[in-house]
């Protein structure tokens, strides 16, 4: 699916290599909404509300205030414990929610996103959050790079200057269900990102680059990514983390 760029976003289109031409009748649109936020939306009946990255309010703000701190599954999987705050590469950043949780707990986080319009949303969300006093210190620990982690992870990390103790992966899991049970937000995201058929290569790259561990988020009943067996697993009701350990973070 193609993305059409709204007026005044020529610099964004050029920076992320997004075509301004709509090649079919089902284009998604990247535009500024009434609040000045960069938004990505399509037909509401199919895709619901437009995507906007908001690190101040909404569900991210609620999770920051009431999410459970270092007891959260992502924090435990990434090894954030008493006296331990590793540096993290979120190699499949998506909308940045897990990366923000880790940064809110003190971690330096490098976000890598391969889908250009999603990377543009992340950039906009980070820029707006820098001006919000309650989260400015958190987003100062977050750096964004646009690129394909399955092919360029080592180069992107080297260029960033971050030592990647932990690499966090949340590859898109194939879903065949086209029903209303699939969240509209996820439906929009999938139109752009597709399924991560290269997940085994992504895991291999992460294992080569991470100094201490790789953690992979999966649906709770899904098989692990093809490759080496994880050392540990952490589970909740609907999701789990497969944990691949090189050496202890302590």
Protein backbone atom coordinates (compact mmCIF):
# COMPACT_ATOMS: atom_id res chain seq x y z
CA UNK A 1 0.00 0.00 0.00
CA UNK A 2 1.28 3.46 -0.88
CA UNK A 3 1.33 6.59 1.28
CA UNK A 4 0.43 10.04 0.05
CA UNK A 5 2.06 13.03 1.73
CA UNK A 6 0.01 16.02 2.85
CA UNK A 7 0.88 19.64 2.15
CA UNK A 8 3.88 21.11 3.94
CA UNK A 9 5.54 17.74 4.51
CA UNK A 10 7.94 17.81 1.58
CA UNK A 11 10.97 17.75 3.91
CA UNK A 12 9.61 14.67 5.70
CA UNK A 13 8.98 12.94 2.37
CA UNK A 14 12.51 13.69 1.21
CA UNK A 15 14.15 12.69 4.50
CA UNK A 16 12.42 9.31 4.62
CA UNK A 17 12.19 8.62 0.90
CA UNK A 18 8.39 8.56 0.88
CA UNK A 19 6.78 8.96 -2.53
CA UNK A 20 4.24 11.77 -2.86
CA UNK A 21 2.29 9.96 -5.57
CA UNK A 22 -0.81 7.89 -4.82
CA UNK A 23 -0.76 4.85 -7.08
CA UNK A 24 -4.14 3.37 -6.11
CA UNK A 25 -7.43 4.29 -4.47
CA UNK A 26 -6.57 2.88 -1.05
CA UNK A 27 -3.66 5.14 -0.13
CA UNK A 28 -2.85 5.97 3.44
CA UNK A 29 -2.19 9.65 4.11
CA UNK A 30 0.56 11.22 6.21
CA UNK A 31 -0.55 14.68 7.34
CA UNK A 32 -0.67 17.23 10.17
CA UNK A 33 -3.81 16.92 12.28
CA UNK A 34 -5.67 19.76 14.01
CA UNK A 35 -3.27 19.62 16.97
CA UNK A 36 -0.20 19.86 14.73
CA UNK A 37 0.77 16.21 15.26
CA UNK A 38 1.98 14.09 12.38
CA UNK A 39 -0.73 11.50 11.70
CA UNK A 40 -1.11 8.51 9.41
CA UNK A 41 -4.58 7.43 8.46
CA UNK A 42 -6.78 5.68 5.95
CA UNK A 43 -10.42 4.82 5.49
CA UNK A 44 -11.88 4.98 9.05
CA UNK A 45 -14.27 2.07 8.49
CA UNK A 46 -11.31 -0.20 7.77
CA UNK A 47 -8.45 1.33 9.76
CA UNK A 48 -10.12 3.26 12.57
CA UNK A 49 -8.43 6.30 14.06
CA UNK A 50 -5.23 7.65 12.49
CA UNK A 51 -1.92 6.63 14.05
CA UNK A 52 -0.16 9.33 16.09
CA UNK A 53 2.88 8.78 18.32
CA UNK A 54 2.20 10.40 21.68
CA UNK A 55 4.75 9.96 24.46
CA UNK A 56 3.01 12.39 26.84
CA UNK A 57 -0.65 11.39 27.14
CA UNK A 58 -2.90 8.53 26.07
CA UNK A 59 -2.04 4.93 26.84
CA UNK A 60 1.70 5.67 27.00
CA UNK A 61 1.15 8.37 29.61
CA UNK A 62 -1.10 6.07 31.62
CA UNK A 63 1.47 3.27 31.46
CA UNK A 64 4.21 5.67 32.59
CA UNK A 65 2.23 6.57 35.70
CA UNK A 66 0.61 3.25 36.56
CA UNK A 67 2.38 0.55 34.52
CA UNK A 68 4.25 -1.22 37.30
CA UNK A 69 7.81 0.04 36.92
CA UNK A 70 10.53 -2.60 36.67
CA UNK A 71 7.99 -5.32 37.35
CA UNK A 72 6.65 -4.98 33.81
CA UNK A 73 7.29 -7.93 31.51
CA UNK A 74 9.42 -5.97 29.05
CA UNK A 75 11.59 -4.56 31.85
CA UNK A 76 12.12 -7.97 33.42
CA UNK A 77 12.92 -9.56 30.05
CA UNK A 78 15.47 -6.85 29.26
CA UNK A 79 17.15 -7.38 32.62
CA UNK A 80 16.28 -4.12 34.37
CA UNK A 81 16.63 -4.98 38.03
CA UNK A 82 17.98 -3.57 41.24
CA UNK A 83 21.22 -1.82 40.38
CA UNK A 84 21.09 -2.99 36.73
CA UNK A 85 20.04 -0.68 33.89
CA UNK A 86 21.41 -1.97 30.58
CA UNK A 87 21.60 -0.10 27.30
CA UNK A 88 18.95 -1.38 24.89
CA UNK A 89 18.50 -1.44 21.13
CA UNK A 90 14.83 -1.72 20.15
CA UNK A 91 15.49 -3.09 16.67
CA UNK A 92 11.80 -3.22 15.67
CA UNK A 93 10.64 -0.02 17.31
CA UNK A 94 7.11 0.22 15.86
CA UNK A 95 5.26 3.00 17.66
CA UNK A 96 7.94 3.19 20.36
CA UNK A 97 5.84 2.15 23.35
CA UNK A 98 8.16 -0.53 24.74
CA UNK A 99 11.20 1.68 24.09
CA UNK A 100 9.56 4.50 26.04
CA UNK A 101 8.87 2.19 28.99
CA UNK A 102 12.53 1.17 29.09
CA UNK A 103 13.71 4.77 28.80
CA UNK A 104 11.31 5.82 31.57
CA UNK A 105 13.07 3.29 33.80
CA UNK A 106 16.47 4.81 33.09
CA UNK A 107 17.73 2.84 30.09
CA UNK A 108 19.49 4.42 27.12
CA UNK A 109 17.51 3.17 24.11
CA UNK A 110 18.27 3.18 20.40
CA UNK A 111 15.10 2.81 18.32
CA UNK A 112 15.38 1.37 14.81
CA UNK A 113 12.35 1.36 12.51
CA UNK A 114 12.41 0.19 8.90
CA UNK A 115 8.98 1.42 7.74
CA UNK A 116 9.49 5.02 6.62
CA UNK A 117 6.07 6.50 7.56
CA UNK A 118 6.25 4.89 11.02
CA UNK A 119 9.78 6.24 11.51
CA UNK A 120 8.45 9.69 10.58
CA UNK A 121 5.70 9.36 13.21
CA UNK A 122 8.30 8.36 15.81
CA UNK A 123 10.49 11.34 14.95
CA UNK A 124 7.53 13.69 15.33
CA UNK A 125 6.49 12.14 18.64
CA UNK A 126 10.00 12.45 20.05
CA UNK A 127 10.31 16.09 18.95
CA UNK A 128 7.00 17.02 20.58
CA UNK A 129 7.88 15.12 23.77
CA UNK A 130 11.16 17.05 24.10
CA UNK A 131 9.07 20.15 24.80
CA UNK A 132 6.98 18.47 27.52
CA UNK A 133 8.57 18.92 30.94
CA UNK A 134 7.19 15.68 32.39
CA UNK A 135 8.83 13.46 29.76
CA UNK A 136 11.72 15.52 28.34
CA UNK A 137 14.27 13.74 30.53
CA UNK A 138 12.93 10.36 29.41
CA UNK A 139 12.99 11.02 25.66
CA UNK A 140 16.50 12.46 26.00
CA UNK A 141 17.52 8.81 26.52
CA UNK A 142 15.88 7.76 23.23
CA UNK A 143 17.59 7.97 19.83
CA UNK A 144 15.95 7.08 16.54
CA UNK A 145 17.40 5.59 13.37
CA UNK A 146 15.56 4.65 10.18
CA UNK A 147 16.82 1.39 8.70
CA UNK A 148 16.30 -2.35 8.27
CA UNK A 149 17.64 -4.18 11.32
CA UNK A 150 17.66 -7.53 9.56
CA UNK A 151 20.19 -6.20 7.04
CA UNK A 152 21.88 -3.20 8.65
CA UNK A 153 21.80 -3.76 12.41
CA UNK A 154 25.56 -3.87 13.00
CA UNK A 155 26.19 -0.74 10.93
CA UNK A 156 23.33 1.22 12.47
CA UNK A 157 24.40 0.37 16.01
CA UNK A 158 28.05 1.18 15.28
CA UNK A 159 27.06 4.56 13.86
CA UNK A 160 24.91 5.35 16.91
CA UNK A 161 27.76 4.95 19.40
CA UNK A 162 25.56 2.92 21.76
CA UNK A 163 26.97 -0.28 23.27
CA UNK A 164 24.11 -2.74 22.76
CA UNK A 165 23.96 -4.82 25.93
CA UNK A 166 20.38 -5.91 25.19
CA UNK A 167 18.56 -6.09 21.86
CA UNK A 168 14.76 -6.10 21.99
CA UNK A 169 12.85 -7.62 19.07
CA UNK A 170 9.10 -7.56 18.46
CA UNK A 171 8.77 -8.93 14.92
CA UNK A 172 5.35 -8.91 13.29
CA UNK A 173 3.75 -12.32 13.80
CA UNK A 174 1.79 -13.65 10.79
CA UNK A 175 -1.97 -13.40 11.30
CA UNK A 176 -4.37 -14.92 8.81
CA UNK A 177 -7.49 -13.57 10.53
CA UNK A 178 -9.07 -10.69 8.59
CA UNK A 179 -12.05 -10.31 10.92
CA UNK A 180 -12.99 -7.43 13.17
CA UNK A 181 -11.14 -9.21 15.98
CA UNK A 182 -7.91 -7.87 14.52
CA UNK A 183 -7.51 -4.38 15.97
CA UNK A 184 -7.92 -1.64 13.37
CA UNK A 185 -4.70 0.03 14.51
CA UNK A 186 -2.79 -3.19 13.92
CA UNK A 187 -4.52 -3.60 10.55
CA UNK A 188 -3.18 -0.21 9.45
CA UNK A 189 0.30 -1.03 10.73
CA UNK A 190 0.31 -4.36 8.91
CA UNK A 191 -0.63 -2.73 5.63
CA UNK A 192 2.71 -0.93 5.79
CA UNK A 193 4.96 -3.35 7.64
CA UNK A 194 3.67 -6.70 6.44
CA UNK A 195 4.71 -9.90 8.21
CA UNK A 196 8.35 -10.24 9.27
CA UNK A 197 9.27 -13.18 7.05
CA UNK A 198 12.93 -12.36 7.71
CA UNK A 199 12.61 -12.87 11.49
CA UNK A 200 15.23 -15.68 11.59
CA UNK A 201 17.76 -13.39 9.91
CA UNK A 202 16.81 -10.59 12.31
CA UNK A 203 17.38 -12.88 15.32
CA UNK A 204 20.74 -14.00 13.92
CA UNK A 205 21.84 -10.38 13.44
CA UNK A 206 20.73 -9.46 16.95
CA UNK A 207 22.62 -12.37 18.48
CA UNK A 208 25.75 -11.26 16.65
CA UNK A 209 25.49 -7.65 17.86
CA UNK A 210 24.14 -7.86 21.43
CA UNK A 211 26.82 -8.11 24.09
CA UNK A 212 24.65 -9.68 26.81
CA UNK A 213 21.20 -10.80 25.70
CA UNK A 214 18.50 -10.74 23.01
CA UNK A 215 14.84 -10.72 23.99
CA UNK A 216 12.05 -11.56 21.55
CA UNK A 217 8.42 -10.68 22.15
CA UNK A 218 5.95 -13.30 20.88
CA UNK A 219 2.29 -14.21 21.25
CA UNK A 220 2.16 -16.58 24.22
CA UNK A 221 1.30 -19.71 22.20
CA UNK A 222 3.40 -18.92 19.13
CA UNK A 223 6.44 -21.02 18.26
CA UNK A 224 9.86 -19.44 18.82
CA UNK A 225 11.66 -17.91 15.87
CA UNK A 226 13.55 -20.49 13.83
CA UNK A 227 17.09 -20.71 15.15
CA UNK A 228 18.76 -21.46 18.50
CA UNK A 229 16.59 -22.32 21.48
CA UNK A 230 16.03 -19.49 23.98
CA UNK A 231 17.64 -19.90 27.40
CA UNK A 232 14.61 -18.61 29.34
CA UNK A 233 11.00 -17.59 28.82
CA UNK A 234 8.80 -15.08 30.63
CA UNK A 235 5.05 -15.29 30.09
CA UNK A 236 1.92 -13.29 30.75
CA UNK A 237 -1.67 -13.95 29.72
CA UNK A 238 -1.34 -13.12 26.01
CA UNK A 239 2.36 -12.64 25.34
CA UNK A 240 5.78 -13.92 26.30
CA UNK A 241 9.47 -13.13 25.93
CA UNK A 242 12.01 -15.62 24.63
CA UNK A 243 15.38 -14.72 26.17
CA UNK A 244 18.72 -15.59 24.58
CA UNK A 245 21.65 -15.06 26.96
CA UNK A 246 25.30 -14.49 26.13
CA UNK A 247 26.33 -13.51 29.67
CA UNK A 248 24.88 -12.08 32.85
CA UNK A 249 24.03 -8.40 33.14
CA UNK A 250 25.02 -8.38 36.80
